[in-house]
Amino acid sequence: MINSIEEAIRRIVTITELSNKLAYDHFTTAQTLPFACYTYDFVTDGADDYNGVQWIDFNLELYSDPRDIALERKILTRLDDVVVKSSSDYIESERMYQTSFRFRFPYKLTNNNP
């Protein structure tokens, strides 16, 4: 089970095609396809707020041309223990596909984890 942002990233970078092509939010230099970017948000709601549990909403965006179904399957395989919602769109202005993978996992706060 994914239990940290670092664990989610570790799983993704073990995919050979993305090992050096993953960045938070955006790259500062031009990249060759395929590449991926991720973002995340912390969500606290309900009774878990009292117990120090947060949810992390993680979003991974894969960019490729043509759409790389084999690479998408590799990503889904690495994330097989969380519920993943995905969608794909063609970005006409960039001439590439963007496939988004969204998933959520719990994160237990401790004294060492603000």
N, C-alpha and C. Protein backbone atom coordinates (compact mmCIF):
# COMPACT_ATOMS: atom_id res chain seq x y z
N MET A 1 0.84 -1.18 0.00
CA MET A 1 0.00 0.00 0.00
C MET A 1 0.89 1.24 0.00
N ILE A 2 0.56 2.18 -0.82
CA ILE A 2 1.29 3.44 -0.85
C ILE A 2 0.95 4.19 0.44
N ASN A 3 1.98 4.67 1.14
CA ASN A 3 1.74 5.40 2.38
C ASN A 3 2.51 6.71 2.47
N SER A 4 3.15 7.11 1.36
CA SER A 4 3.84 8.39 1.35
C SER A 4 4.03 8.87 -0.08
N ILE A 5 4.27 10.15 -0.20
CA ILE A 5 4.54 10.73 -1.52
C ILE A 5 5.81 10.12 -2.09
N GLU A 6 6.81 9.93 -1.24
CA GLU A 6 8.08 9.35 -1.69
C GLU A 6 7.89 7.95 -2.25
N GLU A 7 7.01 7.17 -1.62
CA GLU A 7 6.73 5.82 -2.12
C GLU A 7 6.07 5.88 -3.49
N ALA A 8 5.14 6.78 -3.69
CA ALA A 8 4.49 6.92 -5.00
C ALA A 8 5.52 7.28 -6.07
N ILE A 9 6.41 8.20 -5.76
CA ILE A 9 7.44 8.61 -6.72
C ILE A 9 8.40 7.45 -7.01
N ARG A 10 8.82 6.74 -5.96
CA ARG A 10 9.74 5.60 -6.15
C ARG A 10 9.15 4.58 -7.12
N ARG A 11 7.87 4.32 -6.98
CA ARG A 11 7.24 3.34 -7.87
C ARG A 11 7.27 3.81 -9.32
N ILE A 12 7.05 5.07 -9.53
CA ILE A 12 6.98 5.60 -10.89
C ILE A 12 8.37 5.63 -11.54
N VAL A 13 9.39 6.04 -10.79
CA VAL A 13 10.73 6.14 -11.39
C VAL A 13 11.37 4.78 -11.63
N THR A 14 10.78 3.70 -11.10
CA THR A 14 11.30 2.37 -11.43
C THR A 14 10.94 1.96 -12.85
N ILE A 15 10.05 2.71 -13.49
CA ILE A 15 9.71 2.47 -14.89
C ILE A 15 10.82 3.07 -15.74
N THR A 16 11.49 2.24 -16.49
CA THR A 16 12.68 2.66 -17.25
C THR A 16 12.43 3.92 -18.08
N GLU A 17 11.32 3.98 -18.77
CA GLU A 17 11.05 5.12 -19.65
C GLU A 17 10.91 6.43 -18.88
N LEU A 18 10.65 6.37 -17.57
CA LEU A 18 10.42 7.59 -16.78
C LEU A 18 11.49 7.81 -15.71
N SER A 19 12.53 6.99 -15.68
CA SER A 19 13.50 7.05 -14.58
C SER A 19 14.16 8.42 -14.44
N ASN A 20 14.42 9.12 -15.50
CA ASN A 20 15.01 10.47 -15.42
C ASN A 20 14.10 11.52 -16.03
N LYS A 21 12.82 11.19 -16.15
CA LYS A 21 11.89 12.08 -16.83
C LYS A 21 10.64 12.32 -16.00
N LEU A 22 10.84 12.60 -14.71
CA LEU A 22 9.73 12.86 -13.81
C LEU A 22 10.06 14.11 -13.00
N ALA A 23 9.11 15.05 -12.94
CA ALA A 23 9.34 16.29 -12.19
C ALA A 23 8.07 16.70 -11.47
N TYR A 24 8.26 17.45 -10.39
CA TYR A 24 7.11 18.02 -9.70
C TYR A 24 6.59 19.20 -10.51
N ASP A 25 5.35 19.20 -10.86
CA ASP A 25 4.62 20.26 -11.54
C ASP A 25 5.07 20.52 -12.97
N HIS A 26 6.36 20.79 -13.19
CA HIS A 26 6.83 21.11 -14.55
C HIS A 26 8.35 20.96 -14.62
N PHE A 27 8.84 20.88 -15.83
CA PHE A 27 10.28 20.88 -16.07
C PHE A 27 10.72 22.30 -16.40
N THR A 28 11.95 22.62 -16.09
CA THR A 28 12.49 23.95 -16.43
C THR A 28 13.22 23.93 -17.76
N THR A 29 13.43 22.73 -18.32
CA THR A 29 14.06 22.60 -19.63
C THR A 29 13.17 21.74 -20.52
N ALA A 30 13.35 21.86 -21.82
CA ALA A 30 12.57 21.06 -22.76
C ALA A 30 12.90 19.58 -22.58
N GLN A 31 11.89 18.74 -22.70
CA GLN A 31 12.04 17.30 -22.54
C GLN A 31 11.67 16.58 -23.83
N THR A 32 12.26 15.42 -24.03
CA THR A 32 11.83 14.57 -25.13
C THR A 32 10.75 13.64 -24.60
N LEU A 33 9.81 13.32 -25.46
CA LEU A 33 8.71 12.44 -25.07
C LEU A 33 9.19 11.01 -24.95
N PRO A 34 8.64 10.21 -24.08
CA PRO A 34 7.65 10.55 -23.07
C PRO A 34 8.29 11.14 -21.82
N PHE A 35 7.49 11.89 -21.06
CA PHE A 35 7.91 12.39 -19.75
C PHE A 35 6.67 12.55 -18.89
N ALA A 36 6.88 12.77 -17.59
CA ALA A 36 5.74 12.86 -16.68
C ALA A 36 5.99 13.93 -15.63
N CYS A 37 4.90 14.50 -15.15
CA CYS A 37 4.93 15.47 -14.05
C CYS A 37 3.88 15.05 -13.03
N TYR A 38 4.11 15.41 -11.79
CA TYR A 38 3.15 15.06 -10.74
C TYR A 38 2.90 16.26 -9.84
N THR A 39 1.74 16.25 -9.22
CA THR A 39 1.38 17.21 -8.18
C THR A 39 0.60 16.44 -7.13
N TYR A 40 0.45 17.05 -5.97
CA TYR A 40 -0.33 16.42 -4.91
C TYR A 40 -0.89 17.49 -3.99
N ASP A 41 -1.96 17.13 -3.31
CA ASP A 41 -2.60 18.01 -2.34
C ASP A 41 -2.92 17.19 -1.10
N PHE A 42 -2.90 17.85 0.05
CA PHE A 42 -3.26 17.23 1.31
C PHE A 42 -4.72 17.56 1.61
N VAL A 43 -5.49 16.55 2.02
CA VAL A 43 -6.89 16.74 2.34
C VAL A 43 -7.15 16.12 3.71
N THR A 44 -7.75 16.88 4.59
CA THR A 44 -8.15 16.37 5.90
C THR A 44 -9.65 16.57 6.03
N ASP A 45 -10.36 15.48 6.34
CA ASP A 45 -11.80 15.62 6.50
C ASP A 45 -12.33 14.58 7.46
N GLY A 46 -13.49 14.82 7.98
CA GLY A 46 -14.18 13.87 8.84
C GLY A 46 -13.47 13.61 10.16
N ALA A 47 -13.81 12.49 10.75
CA ALA A 47 -13.26 12.11 12.06
C ALA A 47 -11.76 11.86 12.00
N ASP A 48 -11.24 11.54 10.83
CA ASP A 48 -9.80 11.31 10.71
C ASP A 48 -9.00 12.55 11.06
N ASP A 49 -9.60 13.73 10.92
CA ASP A 49 -8.94 14.97 11.28
C ASP A 49 -8.48 14.90 12.74
N TYR A 50 -9.30 14.34 13.58
CA TYR A 50 -8.99 14.23 15.01
C TYR A 50 -7.83 13.27 15.25
N ASN A 51 -7.75 12.20 14.46
CA ASN A 51 -6.74 11.18 14.65
C ASN A 51 -5.43 11.47 13.92
N GLY A 52 -5.33 12.58 13.26
CA GLY A 52 -4.09 12.92 12.57
C GLY A 52 -3.89 12.19 11.26
N VAL A 53 -4.96 11.87 10.57
CA VAL A 53 -4.85 11.21 9.27
C VAL A 53 -5.20 12.22 8.19
N GLN A 54 -4.36 12.29 7.18
CA GLN A 54 -4.65 13.11 6.02
C GLN A 54 -4.76 12.18 4.81
N TRP A 55 -5.41 12.66 3.80
CA TRP A 55 -5.43 11.98 2.51
C TRP A 55 -4.53 12.77 1.59
N ILE A 56 -3.81 12.08 0.76
CA ILE A 56 -3.01 12.74 -0.26
C ILE A 56 -3.64 12.42 -1.60
N ASP A 57 -4.07 13.47 -2.30
CA ASP A 57 -4.58 13.33 -3.66
C ASP A 57 -3.42 13.54 -4.60
N PHE A 58 -3.02 12.49 -5.30
CA PHE A 58 -1.83 12.49 -6.16
C PHE A 58 -2.28 12.50 -7.60
N ASN A 59 -1.67 13.34 -8.41
CA ASN A 59 -1.99 13.44 -9.83
C ASN A 59 -0.71 13.29 -10.64
N LEU A 60 -0.69 12.33 -11.53
CA LEU A 60 0.45 12.09 -12.42
C LEU A 60 -0.01 12.35 -13.84
N GLU A 61 0.76 13.13 -14.58
CA GLU A 61 0.43 13.41 -15.98
C GLU A 61 1.55 12.88 -16.86
N LEU A 62 1.19 11.99 -17.76
CA LEU A 62 2.12 11.41 -18.72
C LEU A 62 1.93 12.10 -20.06
N TYR A 63 3.02 12.52 -20.67
CA TYR A 63 2.98 13.16 -21.98
C TYR A 63 3.70 12.27 -22.98
N SER A 64 3.03 12.00 -24.11
CA SER A 64 3.62 11.12 -25.12
C SER A 64 2.99 11.41 -26.48
N ASP A 65 3.66 10.95 -27.53
CA ASP A 65 3.10 11.00 -28.87
C ASP A 65 3.83 9.97 -29.71
N PRO A 66 3.12 8.96 -30.18
CA PRO A 66 1.70 8.72 -30.04
C PRO A 66 1.36 8.30 -28.60
N ARG A 67 0.08 8.14 -28.34
CA ARG A 67 -0.33 7.68 -27.01
C ARG A 67 0.33 6.33 -26.74
N ASP A 68 0.97 6.21 -25.59
CA ASP A 68 1.76 5.03 -25.26
C ASP A 68 1.00 4.13 -24.28
N ILE A 69 0.17 3.26 -24.84
CA ILE A 69 -0.67 2.37 -24.03
C ILE A 69 0.19 1.42 -23.20
N ALA A 70 1.29 0.93 -23.74
CA ALA A 70 2.17 0.02 -22.99
C ALA A 70 2.75 0.73 -21.76
N LEU A 71 3.17 1.96 -21.91
CA LEU A 71 3.70 2.72 -20.78
C LEU A 71 2.60 3.03 -19.77
N GLU A 72 1.41 3.33 -20.24
CA GLU A 72 0.28 3.56 -19.34
C GLU A 72 0.00 2.31 -18.51
N ARG A 73 0.08 1.15 -19.12
CA ARG A 73 -0.13 -0.11 -18.39
C ARG A 73 0.95 -0.33 -17.34
N LYS A 74 2.19 0.03 -17.66
CA LYS A 74 3.28 -0.10 -16.68
C LYS A 74 3.00 0.78 -15.46
N ILE A 75 2.51 1.99 -15.71
CA ILE A 75 2.18 2.89 -14.60
C ILE A 75 1.08 2.27 -13.75
N LEU A 76 0.02 1.79 -14.39
CA LEU A 76 -1.08 1.19 -13.65
C LEU A 76 -0.64 -0.05 -12.88
N THR A 77 0.29 -0.81 -13.42
CA THR A 77 0.81 -1.99 -12.73
C THR A 77 1.55 -1.58 -11.46
N ARG A 78 2.33 -0.49 -11.52
CA ARG A 78 3.07 -0.02 -10.34
C ARG A 78 2.13 0.52 -9.26
N LEU A 79 0.93 0.92 -9.67
CA LEU A 79 -0.05 1.50 -8.74
C LEU A 79 -1.21 0.54 -8.49
N ASP A 80 -0.95 -0.75 -8.55
CA ASP A 80 -2.03 -1.73 -8.52
C ASP A 80 -2.72 -1.88 -7.18
N ASP A 81 -2.22 -1.26 -6.12
CA ASP A 81 -2.88 -1.39 -4.82
C ASP A 81 -3.64 -0.13 -4.41
N VAL A 82 -3.83 0.79 -5.34
CA VAL A 82 -4.67 1.96 -5.10
C VAL A 82 -5.67 2.07 -6.25
N VAL A 83 -6.78 2.74 -5.99
CA VAL A 83 -7.78 2.96 -7.03
C VAL A 83 -7.32 4.15 -7.87
N VAL A 84 -7.10 3.90 -9.15
CA VAL A 84 -6.60 4.93 -10.06
C VAL A 84 -7.69 5.29 -11.06
N LYS A 85 -7.91 6.59 -11.21
CA LYS A 85 -8.80 7.09 -12.25
C LYS A 85 -7.90 7.73 -13.30
N SER A 86 -8.14 7.41 -14.55
CA SER A 86 -7.30 7.96 -15.60
C SER A 86 -8.15 8.51 -16.74
N SER A 87 -7.54 9.43 -17.46
CA SER A 87 -8.17 9.99 -18.66
C SER A 87 -7.07 10.46 -19.58
N SER A 88 -7.39 10.54 -20.87
CA SER A 88 -6.39 10.94 -21.85
C SER A 88 -6.99 11.95 -22.82
N ASP A 89 -6.20 12.94 -23.15
CA ASP A 89 -6.61 13.97 -24.10
C ASP A 89 -5.45 14.30 -25.03
N TYR A 90 -5.78 14.69 -26.24
CA TYR A 90 -4.76 15.16 -27.17
C TYR A 90 -4.67 16.68 -27.03
N ILE A 91 -3.46 17.17 -26.84
CA ILE A 91 -3.23 18.62 -26.74
C ILE A 91 -2.78 19.08 -28.11
N GLU A 92 -3.69 19.66 -28.84
CA GLU A 92 -3.44 20.06 -30.23
C GLU A 92 -2.26 21.03 -30.33
N SER A 93 -2.22 22.04 -29.48
CA SER A 93 -1.17 23.07 -29.57
C SER A 93 0.22 22.51 -29.30
N GLU A 94 0.30 21.42 -28.53
CA GLU A 94 1.59 20.82 -28.19
C GLU A 94 1.89 19.56 -29.02
N ARG A 95 0.87 19.10 -29.74
CA ARG A 95 0.98 17.90 -30.56
C ARG A 95 1.43 16.69 -29.75
N MET A 96 0.75 16.48 -28.63
CA MET A 96 1.05 15.33 -27.78
C MET A 96 -0.18 14.94 -26.98
N TYR A 97 -0.13 13.72 -26.46
CA TYR A 97 -1.19 13.22 -25.60
C TYR A 97 -0.82 13.46 -24.15
N GLN A 98 -1.83 13.79 -23.36
CA GLN A 98 -1.67 13.90 -21.92
C GLN A 98 -2.61 12.88 -21.29
N THR A 99 -2.02 11.94 -20.56
CA THR A 99 -2.81 10.96 -19.85
C THR A 99 -2.63 11.23 -18.37
N SER A 100 -3.73 11.47 -17.67
CA SER A 100 -3.70 11.78 -16.24
C SER A 100 -4.10 10.55 -15.44
N PHE A 101 -3.35 10.33 -14.36
CA PHE A 101 -3.63 9.26 -13.42
C PHE A 101 -3.84 9.92 -12.06
N ARG A 102 -5.02 9.72 -11.48
CA ARG A 102 -5.34 10.32 -10.19
C ARG A 102 -5.63 9.22 -9.18
N PHE A 103 -5.01 9.35 -8.02
CA PHE A 103 -5.29 8.39 -6.96
C PHE A 103 -5.11 9.06 -5.61
N ARG A 104 -5.61 8.40 -4.60
CA ARG A 104 -5.61 8.95 -3.24
C ARG A 104 -5.13 7.87 -2.28
N PHE A 105 -4.38 8.29 -1.28
CA PHE A 105 -3.96 7.34 -0.26
C PHE A 105 -3.88 8.05 1.08
N PRO A 106 -4.07 7.30 2.18
CA PRO A 106 -4.03 7.90 3.51
C PRO A 106 -2.59 8.12 3.97
N TYR A 107 -2.42 9.12 4.79
CA TYR A 107 -1.11 9.46 5.34
C TYR A 107 -1.30 9.77 6.81
N LYS A 108 -0.73 8.95 7.67
CA LYS A 108 -0.87 9.12 9.12
C LYS A 108 0.17 10.11 9.61
N LEU A 109 -0.30 11.20 10.21
CA LEU A 109 0.61 12.19 10.78
C LEU A 109 1.20 11.68 12.08
N THR A 110 2.48 11.95 12.28
CA THR A 110 3.15 11.62 13.53
C THR A 110 3.88 12.87 13.99
N ASN A 111 4.54 12.78 15.10
CA ASN A 111 5.32 13.93 15.60
C ASN A 111 6.45 14.28 14.64
N ASN A 112 6.92 13.31 13.86
CA ASN A 112 8.01 13.56 12.92
C ASN A 112 7.52 14.03 11.56
N ASN A 113 6.23 13.90 11.28
CA ASN A 113 5.67 14.26 9.99
C ASN A 113 4.68 15.40 10.15
N PRO A 114 5.09 16.61 9.86
CA PRO A 114 4.15 17.75 10.01
C PRO A 114 3.06 17.71 8.98
